[in-house]
């Protein structure tokens, strides 16, 4: 199958024949694309390996655009566009008790200078029959994902507690949330983990940019149309592992998993 696809591609794009004549390189690129890696991540990863297989992200993009628009790999390409939530006129969001503003968060946390400063969110599907709880370390991008059947705050807190069972206490320094009601029982986390909890400003998702970007990556595995209530723990665990094994440009194409260890 790979050989046939490669041959068809080379006919369409003679300008990049020299790069894709090597079947090993073609195999590596195809494998990483199937794992939802971006062309820049693939190129950076190969450069980091310092082996004979090198390719620019521009050449990979040429390959992608040579595919039919309905091809699974092309459909899985990351989209940079995102919709902004509109605030309803006159709507006042209820806020958590004992809420501490993100503006009071230590500078070392805001500047990504250490491991252990986490951002959280609740990822929802269209059917609202299940939820995914995400936690992302600001410095490394290391991601934890949990499942939750309901949006009730106590259940979400219990899910977070379970997610952090195997995380060393020294890597749990601060937690930052949005203003969703699912995080109103945040004082439980302060008690369990002896950690400082902060809240972003209302309707300012950019203040938790690390987490927002990661949620976009997670939706490559679990699109919004999927019923999250039917997702197994094994599927959630696999998605988290794959995310943590993706090289990141801002880390010189090292992976979150290698940086978090």
C-alpha atoms as a PDB file:
ATOM      1  CA  UNK A   1       0.000   0.000   0.000  1.00  0.00           C
ATOM      2  CA  UNK A   2       2.798   2.417   0.921  1.00  0.00           C
ATOM      3  CA  UNK A   3       4.704   1.577  -2.277  1.00  0.00           C
ATOM      4  CA  UNK A   4       1.658   2.260  -4.460  1.00  0.00           C
ATOM      5  CA  UNK A   5       0.880   5.539  -2.721  1.00  0.00           C
ATOM      6  CA  UNK A   6       4.508   6.625  -2.991  1.00  0.00           C
ATOM      7  CA  UNK A   7       4.626   5.866  -6.730  1.00  0.00           C
ATOM      8  CA  UNK A   8       1.461   7.851  -7.389  1.00  0.00           C
ATOM      9  CA  UNK A   9       2.788  10.761  -5.379  1.00  0.00           C
ATOM     10  CA  UNK A  10       6.107  10.881  -7.232  1.00  0.00           C
ATOM     11  CA  UNK A  11       4.283  11.090 -10.557  1.00  0.00           C
ATOM     12  CA  UNK A  12       2.288  14.087  -9.355  1.00  0.00           C
ATOM     13  CA  UNK A  13       5.177  15.958  -7.749  1.00  0.00           C
ATOM     14  CA  UNK A  14       8.407  15.498  -9.749  1.00  0.00           C
ATOM     15  CA  UNK A  15       9.993  18.496  -7.982  1.00  0.00           C
ATOM     16  CA  UNK A  16      10.325  16.526  -4.753  1.00  0.00           C
ATOM     17  CA  UNK A  17      11.278  13.175  -6.256  1.00  0.00           C
ATOM     18  CA  UNK A  18      14.817  13.490  -4.938  1.00  0.00           C
ATOM     19  CA  UNK A  19      13.521  13.600  -1.374  1.00  0.00           C
ATOM     20  CA  UNK A  20      10.994  10.810  -1.594  1.00  0.00           C
ATOM     21  CA  UNK A  21      13.017   8.356  -3.650  1.00  0.00           C
ATOM     22  CA  UNK A  22      14.194   6.936  -0.337  1.00  0.00           C
ATOM     23  CA  UNK A  23      11.473   4.472   0.781  1.00  0.00           C
ATOM     24  CA  UNK A  24      12.691   4.618   4.398  1.00  0.00           C
ATOM     25  CA  UNK A  25      12.177   8.377   4.530  1.00  0.00           C
ATOM     26  CA  UNK A  26       8.759   8.055   2.928  1.00  0.00           C
ATOM     27  CA  UNK A  27       7.834   5.402   5.503  1.00  0.00           C
ATOM     28  CA  UNK A  28       8.935   7.575   8.445  1.00  0.00           C
ATOM     29  CA  UNK A  29       7.054  10.633   7.189  1.00  0.00           C
ATOM     30  CA  UNK A  30       3.887   8.624   6.494  1.00  0.00           C
ATOM     31  CA  UNK A  31       4.049   6.990   9.920  1.00  0.00           C
ATOM     32  CA  UNK A  32       4.370  10.318  11.754  1.00  0.00           C
ATOM     33  CA  UNK A  33       1.611  11.928   9.708  1.00  0.00           C
ATOM     34  CA  UNK A  34      -0.655   9.038  10.683  1.00  0.00           C
ATOM     35  CA  UNK A  35       0.132   9.903  14.328  1.00  0.00           C
ATOM     36  CA  UNK A  36      -1.071  13.477  13.674  1.00  0.00           C
ATOM     37  CA  UNK A  37       2.383  15.031  13.881  1.00  0.00           C
ATOM     38  CA  UNK A  38       2.662  18.363  12.077  1.00  0.00           C
ATOM     39  CA  UNK A  39       5.150  18.753   9.174  1.00  0.00           C
ATOM     40  CA  UNK A  40       7.304  21.006  11.382  1.00  0.00           C
ATOM     41  CA  UNK A  41       7.372  18.378  14.127  1.00  0.00           C
ATOM     42  CA  UNK A  42       8.405  15.687  11.648  1.00  0.00           C
ATOM     43  CA  UNK A  43      11.113  17.849  10.101  1.00  0.00           C
ATOM     44  CA  UNK A  44      12.415  18.906  13.520  1.00  0.00           C
ATOM     45  CA  UNK A  45      12.383  15.331  14.784  1.00  0.00           C
ATOM     46  CA  UNK A  46      14.439  14.097  11.808  1.00  0.00           C
ATOM     47  CA  UNK A  47      16.856  16.997  12.216  1.00  0.00           C
ATOM     48  CA  UNK A  48      17.237  16.126  15.906  1.00  0.00           C
ATOM     49  CA  UNK A  49      18.123  12.534  14.979  1.00  0.00           C
ATOM     50  CA  UNK A  50      21.023  13.869  12.868  1.00  0.00           C
ATOM     51  CA  UNK A  51      20.708  10.892  10.557  1.00  0.00           C
ATOM     52  CA  UNK A  52      20.674  10.625   6.792  1.00  0.00           C
ATOM     53  CA  UNK A  53      16.933  11.256   6.578  1.00  0.00           C
ATOM     54  CA  UNK A  54      16.327  15.005   6.442  1.00  0.00           C
ATOM     55  CA  UNK A  55      13.384  16.819   4.905  1.00  0.00           C
ATOM     56  CA  UNK A  56      11.913  20.311   5.161  1.00  0.00           C
ATOM     57  CA  UNK A  57       8.409  20.906   6.404  1.00  0.00           C
ATOM     58  CA  UNK A  58       7.660  22.697   3.108  1.00  0.00           C
ATOM     59  CA  UNK A  59       8.324  19.477   1.182  1.00  0.00           C
ATOM     60  CA  UNK A  60       6.048  17.545   3.515  1.00  0.00           C
ATOM     61  CA  UNK A  61       3.306  20.102   2.957  1.00  0.00           C
ATOM     62  CA  UNK A  62       3.675  19.604  -0.792  1.00  0.00           C
ATOM     63  CA  UNK A  63       3.048  15.920  -0.230  1.00  0.00           C
ATOM     64  CA  UNK A  64      -0.010  16.607   1.909  1.00  0.00           C
ATOM     65  CA  UNK A  65      -1.575  18.908  -0.636  1.00  0.00           C
ATOM     66  CA  UNK A  66      -0.964  16.355  -3.376  1.00  0.00           C
ATOM     67  CA  UNK A  67      -3.401  14.028  -1.618  1.00  0.00           C
ATOM     68  CA  UNK A  68      -7.110  14.035  -2.238  1.00  0.00           C
ATOM     69  CA  UNK A  69      -8.827  16.433   0.173  1.00  0.00           C
ATOM     70  CA  UNK A  70     -10.822  13.525   1.637  1.00  0.00           C
ATOM     71  CA  UNK A  71      -7.719  11.447   2.314  1.00  0.00           C
ATOM     72  CA  UNK A  72      -7.632  10.495   6.051  1.00  0.00           C
ATOM     73  CA  UNK A  73      -4.184  12.022   6.585  1.00  0.00           C
ATOM     74  CA  UNK A  74      -5.115  15.313   4.966  1.00  0.00           C
ATOM     75  CA  UNK A  75      -8.414  15.511   6.844  1.00  0.00           C
ATOM     76  CA  UNK A  76      -6.513  15.055  10.092  1.00  0.00           C
ATOM     77  CA  UNK A  77      -4.292  18.063   9.430  1.00  0.00           C
ATOM     78  CA  UNK A  78      -4.355  20.578  12.228  1.00  0.00           C
ATOM     79  CA  UNK A  79      -6.397  23.703  11.637  1.00  0.00           C
ATOM     80  CA  UNK A  80      -5.231  26.990  13.110  1.00  0.00           C
ATOM     81  CA  UNK A  81      -8.650  28.640  12.956  1.00  0.00           C
ATOM     82  CA  UNK A  82     -10.708  28.655  16.109  1.00  0.00           C
ATOM     83  CA  UNK A  83     -14.031  30.039  17.099  1.00  0.00           C
ATOM     84  CA  UNK A  84     -14.241  32.518  19.936  1.00  0.00           C
ATOM     85  CA  UNK A  85     -17.032  32.155  22.409  1.00  0.00           C
ATOM     86  CA  UNK A  86     -19.401  35.092  22.422  1.00  0.00           C
ATOM     87  CA  UNK A  87     -20.505  36.563  25.693  1.00  0.00           C
ATOM     88  CA  UNK A  88     -24.256  37.004  25.905  1.00  0.00           C
ATOM     89  CA  UNK A  89     -25.392  40.579  26.637  1.00  0.00           C
ATOM     90  CA  UNK A  90     -26.209  41.088  30.281  1.00  0.00           C
ATOM     91  CA  UNK A  91     -24.859  37.669  31.266  1.00  0.00           C
ATOM     92  CA  UNK A  92     -22.924  37.614  34.541  1.00  0.00           C
ATOM     93  CA  UNK A  93     -20.939  34.467  35.224  1.00  0.00           C
ATOM     94  CA  UNK A  94     -21.057  33.109  38.735  1.00  0.00           C
ATOM     95  CA  UNK A  95     -17.594  32.831  40.294  1.00  0.00           C
ATOM     96  CA  UNK A  96     -16.039  30.362  42.701  1.00  0.00           C
ATOM     97  CA  UNK A  97     -15.737  31.170  46.391  1.00  0.00           C
ATOM     98  CA  UNK A  98     -12.247  32.075  47.669  1.00  0.00           C
ATOM     99  CA  UNK A  99     -11.221  32.682  44.079  1.00  0.00           C
ATOM    100  CA  UNK A 100      -7.611  33.915  43.658  1.00  0.00           C
ATOM    101  CA  UNK A 101      -6.884  35.773  40.425  1.00  0.00           C
ATOM    102  CA  UNK A 102      -4.292  34.612  37.905  1.00  0.00           C
ATOM    103  CA  UNK A 103      -2.707  38.045  38.335  1.00  0.00           C
ATOM    104  CA  UNK A 104      -1.595  36.923  41.797  1.00  0.00           C
ATOM    105  CA  UNK A 105       0.124  33.820  40.448  1.00  0.00           C
ATOM    106  CA  UNK A 106       3.911  33.729  41.062  1.00  0.00           C
ATOM    107  CA  UNK A 107       5.968  35.098  38.166  1.00  0.00           C
ATOM    108  CA  UNK A 108       7.969  31.884  38.032  1.00  0.00           C
ATOM    109  CA  UNK A 109       4.749  30.078  37.126  1.00  0.00           C
ATOM    110  CA  UNK A 110       3.666  32.617  34.535  1.00  0.00           C
ATOM    111  CA  UNK A 111       7.126  32.610  32.921  1.00  0.00           C
ATOM    112  CA  UNK A 112       7.308  28.808  32.547  1.00  0.00           C
ATOM    113  CA  UNK A 113      10.510  28.652  34.576  1.00  0.00           C
ATOM    114  CA  UNK A 114       9.804  25.421  36.436  1.00  0.00           C
ATOM    115  CA  UNK A 115       7.971  22.123  36.186  1.00  0.00           C
ATOM    116  CA  UNK A 116       4.773  21.825  38.208  1.00  0.00           C
ATOM    117  CA  UNK A 117       2.543  24.731  37.189  1.00  0.00           C
ATOM    118  CA  UNK A 118      -0.597  23.191  35.684  1.00  0.00           C
ATOM    119  CA  UNK A 119      -3.449  24.530  33.550  1.00  0.00           C
ATOM    120  CA  UNK A 120      -6.824  22.741  33.492  1.00  0.00           C
ATOM    121  CA  UNK A 121      -9.931  22.533  31.363  1.00  0.00           C
ATOM    122  CA  UNK A 122     -13.034  20.425  30.793  1.00  0.00           C
ATOM    123  CA  UNK A 123     -13.408  19.224  27.196  1.00  0.00           C
ATOM    124  CA  UNK A 124     -16.996  18.598  26.112  1.00  0.00           C
ATOM    125  CA  UNK A 125     -18.642  16.778  23.211  1.00  0.00           C
ATOM    126  CA  UNK A 126     -21.842  17.677  21.383  1.00  0.00           C
ATOM    127  CA  UNK A 127     -23.911  15.041  23.149  1.00  0.00           C
ATOM    128  CA  UNK A 128     -22.726  16.057  26.636  1.00  0.00           C
ATOM    129  CA  UNK A 129     -22.820  12.441  27.776  1.00  0.00           C
ATOM    130  CA  UNK A 130     -19.269  12.482  29.056  1.00  0.00           C
ATOM    131  CA  UNK A 131     -16.337  14.818  29.611  1.00  0.00           C
ATOM    132  CA  UNK A 132     -12.556  14.814  29.397  1.00  0.00           C
ATOM    133  CA  UNK A 133     -10.526  16.644  32.033  1.00  0.00           C
ATOM    134  CA  UNK A 134      -7.158  17.928  30.813  1.00  0.00           C
ATOM    135  CA  UNK A 135      -4.151  19.130  32.788  1.00  0.00           C
ATOM    136  CA  UNK A 136      -1.048  20.535  31.071  1.00  0.00           C
ATOM    137  CA  UNK A 137       2.269  21.459  32.654  1.00  0.00           C
ATOM    138  CA  UNK A 138       3.127  24.977  31.481  1.00  0.00           C
ATOM    139  CA  UNK A 139       6.873  24.427  31.162  1.00  0.00           C
ATOM    140  CA  UNK A 140       7.090  21.036  29.449  1.00  0.00           C
ATOM    141  CA  UNK A 141       3.655  20.676  27.846  1.00  0.00           C
ATOM    142  CA  UNK A 142       3.267  17.300  29.566  1.00  0.00           C
ATOM    143  CA  UNK A 143      -0.405  16.349  29.522  1.00  0.00           C
ATOM    144  CA  UNK A 144      -2.700  14.345  31.794  1.00  0.00           C
ATOM    145  CA  UNK A 145      -6.183  13.350  30.630  1.00  0.00           C
ATOM    146  CA  UNK A 146      -9.035  11.951  32.702  1.00  0.00           C
ATOM    147  CA  UNK A 147     -12.640  10.880  32.098  1.00  0.00           C
ATOM    148  CA  UNK A 148     -15.665  12.205  33.934  1.00  0.00           C
ATOM    149  CA  UNK A 149     -19.296  11.136  33.445  1.00  0.00           C
ATOM    150  CA  UNK A 150     -20.808  14.355  34.757  1.00  0.00           C
ATOM    151  CA  UNK A 151     -19.875  18.016  35.049  1.00  0.00           C
ATOM    152  CA  UNK A 152     -20.526  18.112  38.800  1.00  0.00           C
ATOM    153  CA  UNK A 153     -17.640  19.850  40.543  1.00  0.00           C
ATOM    154  CA  UNK A 154     -17.055  17.142  43.147  1.00  0.00           C
ATOM    155  CA  UNK A 155     -16.779  14.479  40.433  1.00  0.00           C
ATOM    156  CA  UNK A 156     -14.349  16.646  38.469  1.00  0.00           C
ATOM    157  CA  UNK A 157     -12.212  17.179  41.578  1.00  0.00           C
ATOM    158  CA  UNK A 158     -12.128  13.425  42.229  1.00  0.00           C
ATOM    159  CA  UNK A 159     -11.081  12.875  38.612  1.00  0.00           C
ATOM    160  CA  UNK A 160      -8.226  15.363  38.978  1.00  0.00           C
ATOM    161  CA  UNK A 161      -7.116  13.673  42.186  1.00  0.00           C
ATOM    162  CA  UNK A 162      -6.978  10.351  40.356  1.00  0.00           C
ATOM    163  CA  UNK A 163      -5.070  11.893  37.429  1.00  0.00           C
ATOM    164  CA  UNK A 164      -2.293  13.106  39.737  1.00  0.00           C
ATOM    165  CA  UNK A 165      -1.912   9.878  41.731  1.00  0.00           C
ATOM    166  CA  UNK A 166       1.461   9.044  40.200  1.00  0.00           C
ATOM    167  CA  UNK A 167       2.777  12.602  39.846  1.00  0.00           C
ATOM    168  CA  UNK A 168       5.497  13.402  42.428  1.00  0.00           C
ATOM    169  CA  UNK A 169       4.458  16.122  44.899  1.00  0.00           C
ATOM    170  CA  UNK A 170       7.463  18.232  43.883  1.00  0.00           C
ATOM    171  CA  UNK A 171       5.879  18.576  40.432  1.00  0.00           C
ATOM    172  CA  UNK A 172       2.577  19.956  41.735  1.00  0.00           C
ATOM    173  CA  UNK A 173       3.145  23.634  42.591  1.00  0.00           C
ATOM    174  CA  UNK A 174       0.195  25.626  41.208  1.00  0.00           C
ATOM    175  CA  UNK A 175      -3.081  24.925  39.421  1.00  0.00           C
ATOM    176  CA  UNK A 176      -4.873  27.382  37.131  1.00  0.00           C
ATOM    177  CA  UNK A 177      -8.512  27.039  36.043  1.00  0.00           C
ATOM    178  CA  UNK A 178     -11.120  28.897  34.042  1.00  0.00           C
ATOM    179  CA  UNK A 179     -14.344  30.048  35.690  1.00  0.00           C
ATOM    180  CA  UNK A 180     -16.520  27.037  34.908  1.00  0.00           C
ATOM    181  CA  UNK A 181     -18.748  25.776  37.713  1.00  0.00           C
ATOM    182  CA  UNK A 182     -17.024  22.387  37.433  1.00  0.00           C
ATOM    183  CA  UNK A 183     -14.028  23.885  39.256  1.00  0.00           C
ATOM    184  CA  UNK A 184     -15.939  25.482  42.146  1.00  0.00           C
ATOM    185  CA  UNK A 185     -14.776  22.807  44.635  1.00  0.00           C
ATOM    186  CA  UNK A 186     -11.161  23.855  44.097  1.00  0.00           C
ATOM    187  CA  UNK A 187     -10.502  24.033  47.838  1.00  0.00           C
ATOM    188  CA  UNK A 188     -10.448  20.238  47.880  1.00  0.00           C
ATOM    189  CA  UNK A 189      -7.372  20.331  45.642  1.00  0.00           C
ATOM    190  CA  UNK A 190      -5.675  22.825  47.942  1.00  0.00           C
ATOM    191  CA  UNK A 191      -6.294  20.432  50.824  1.00  0.00           C
ATOM    192  CA  UNK A 192      -5.275  17.248  49.013  1.00  0.00           C
ATOM    193  CA  UNK A 193      -2.160  18.539  47.284  1.00  0.00           C
ATOM    194  CA  UNK A 194      -1.169  21.513  49.477  1.00  0.00           C
ATOM    195  CA  UNK A 195      -1.151  23.541  46.278  1.00  0.00           C
ATOM    196  CA  UNK A 196      -2.044  27.119  45.349  1.00  0.00           C
ATOM    197  CA  UNK A 197      -5.023  27.460  43.008  1.00  0.00           C
ATOM    198  CA  UNK A 198      -5.641  30.390  40.640  1.00  0.00           C
ATOM    199  CA  UNK A 199      -8.390  31.421  38.214  1.00  0.00           C
ATOM    200  CA  UNK A 200      -8.075  33.118  34.830  1.00  0.00           C
ATOM    201  CA  UNK A 201     -10.104  36.213  34.029  1.00  0.00           C
ATOM    202  CA  UNK A 202     -13.580  35.489  32.615  1.00  0.00           C
ATOM    203  CA  UNK A 203     -13.621  34.994  28.828  1.00  0.00           C
ATOM    204  CA  UNK A 204      -9.824  35.144  28.580  1.00  0.00           C
ATOM    205  CA  UNK A 205      -8.916  31.661  27.351  1.00  0.00           C
ATOM    206  CA  UNK A 206      -5.616  33.057  26.072  1.00  0.00           C
ATOM    207  CA  UNK A 207      -4.417  33.243  29.678  1.00  0.00           C
ATOM    208  CA  UNK A 208      -4.405  29.447  29.594  1.00  0.00           C
ATOM    209  CA  UNK A 209      -2.925  29.179  26.115  1.00  0.00           C
ATOM    210  CA  UNK A 210      -0.909  26.046  26.833  1.00  0.00           C
ATOM    211  CA  UNK A 211      -4.035  24.138  27.783  1.00  0.00           C
ATOM    212  CA  UNK A 212      -6.175  25.561  24.974  1.00  0.00           C
ATOM    213  CA  UNK A 213      -3.634  24.471  22.362  1.00  0.00           C
ATOM    214  CA  UNK A 214      -3.386  21.004  23.880  1.00  0.00           C
ATOM    215  CA  UNK A 215      -7.163  20.618  23.817  1.00  0.00           C
ATOM    216  CA  UNK A 216      -7.010  21.267  20.082  1.00  0.00           C
ATOM    217  CA  UNK A 217      -4.482  18.455  19.709  1.00  0.00           C
ATOM    218  CA  UNK A 218      -6.618  16.142  21.846  1.00  0.00           C
ATOM    219  CA  UNK A 219      -9.605  16.674  19.551  1.00  0.00           C
ATOM    220  CA  UNK A 220      -7.604  15.024  16.780  1.00  0.00           C
ATOM    221  CA  UNK A 221      -8.176  11.799  18.699  1.00  0.00           C
ATOM    222  CA  UNK A 222     -11.593  12.658  20.131  1.00  0.00           C
ATOM    223  CA  UNK A 223     -13.527  15.053  17.840  1.00  0.00           C
ATOM    224  CA  UNK A 224     -16.437  16.965  19.300  1.00  0.00           C
ATOM    225  CA  UNK A 225     -18.936  14.724  17.499  1.00  0.00           C
ATOM    226  CA  UNK A 226     -17.665  11.653  19.370  1.00  0.00           C
ATOM    227  CA  UNK A 227     -19.697  10.500  22.367  1.00  0.00           C
ATOM    228  CA  UNK A 228     -17.186  10.941  25.192  1.00  0.00           C
ATOM    229  CA  UNK A 229     -19.323   8.745  27.406  1.00  0.00           C
ATOM    230  CA  UNK A 230     -18.359   5.758  25.255  1.00  0.00           C
ATOM    231  CA  UNK A 231     -14.604   6.393  25.334  1.00  0.00           C
ATOM    232  CA  UNK A 232     -12.655   3.777  27.290  1.00  0.00           C
ATOM    233  CA  UNK A 233      -9.930   4.511  29.803  1.00  0.00           C
ATOM    234  CA  UNK A 234      -7.479   2.689  27.517  1.00  0.00           C
ATOM    235  CA  UNK A 235      -8.306   5.092  24.667  1.00  0.00           C
ATOM    236  CA  UNK A 236      -7.799   8.102  26.920  1.00  0.00           C
ATOM    237  CA  UNK A 237      -4.479   6.761  28.186  1.00  0.00           C
ATOM    238  CA  UNK A 238      -3.256   6.048  24.644  1.00  0.00           C
ATOM    239  CA  UNK A 239      -4.136   9.575  23.481  1.00  0.00           C
ATOM    240  CA  UNK A 240      -2.233  11.112  26.409  1.00  0.00           C
ATOM    241  CA  UNK A 241       0.821   8.964  25.663  1.00  0.00           C
ATOM    242  CA  UNK A 242       0.770   9.950  21.985  1.00  0.00           C
ATOM    243  CA  UNK A 243       0.486  13.641  22.882  1.00  0.00           C
ATOM    244  CA  UNK A 244       3.430  13.427  25.268  1.00  0.00           C
ATOM    245  CA  UNK A 245       5.563  11.687  22.646  1.00  0.00           C
ATOM    246  CA  UNK A 246       5.049  14.417  20.037  1.00  0.00           C
ATOM    247  CA  UNK A 247       8.117  16.651  19.600  1.00  0.00           C
ATOM    248  CA  UNK A 248       7.456  20.348  20.228  1.00  0.00           C
ATOM    249  CA  UNK A 249       9.014  23.182  18.266  1.00  0.00           C
ATOM    250  CA  UNK A 250       9.402  25.482  21.282  1.00  0.00           C
ATOM    251  CA  UNK A 251      11.473  22.791  23.006  1.00  0.00           C
ATOM    252  CA  UNK A 252      13.835  22.250  20.086  1.00  0.00           C
ATOM    253  CA  UNK A 253      11.724  19.249  19.044  1.00  0.00           C
ATOM    254  CA  UNK A 254      12.162  17.425  22.328  1.00  0.00           C
ATOM    255  CA  UNK A 255       9.068  15.656  23.622  1.00  0.00           C
ATOM    256  CA  UNK A 256       7.056  16.623  26.728  1.00  0.00           C
ATOM    257  CA  UNK A 257       7.623  13.096  28.059  1.00  0.00           C
ATOM    258  CA  UNK A 258      11.416  13.452  27.935  1.00  0.00           C
ATOM    259  CA  UNK A 259      11.343  16.914  29.526  1.00  0.00           C
ATOM    260  CA  UNK A 260       8.987  15.959  32.349  1.00  0.00           C
ATOM    261  CA  UNK A 261      11.062  12.998  33.548  1.00  0.00           C
END
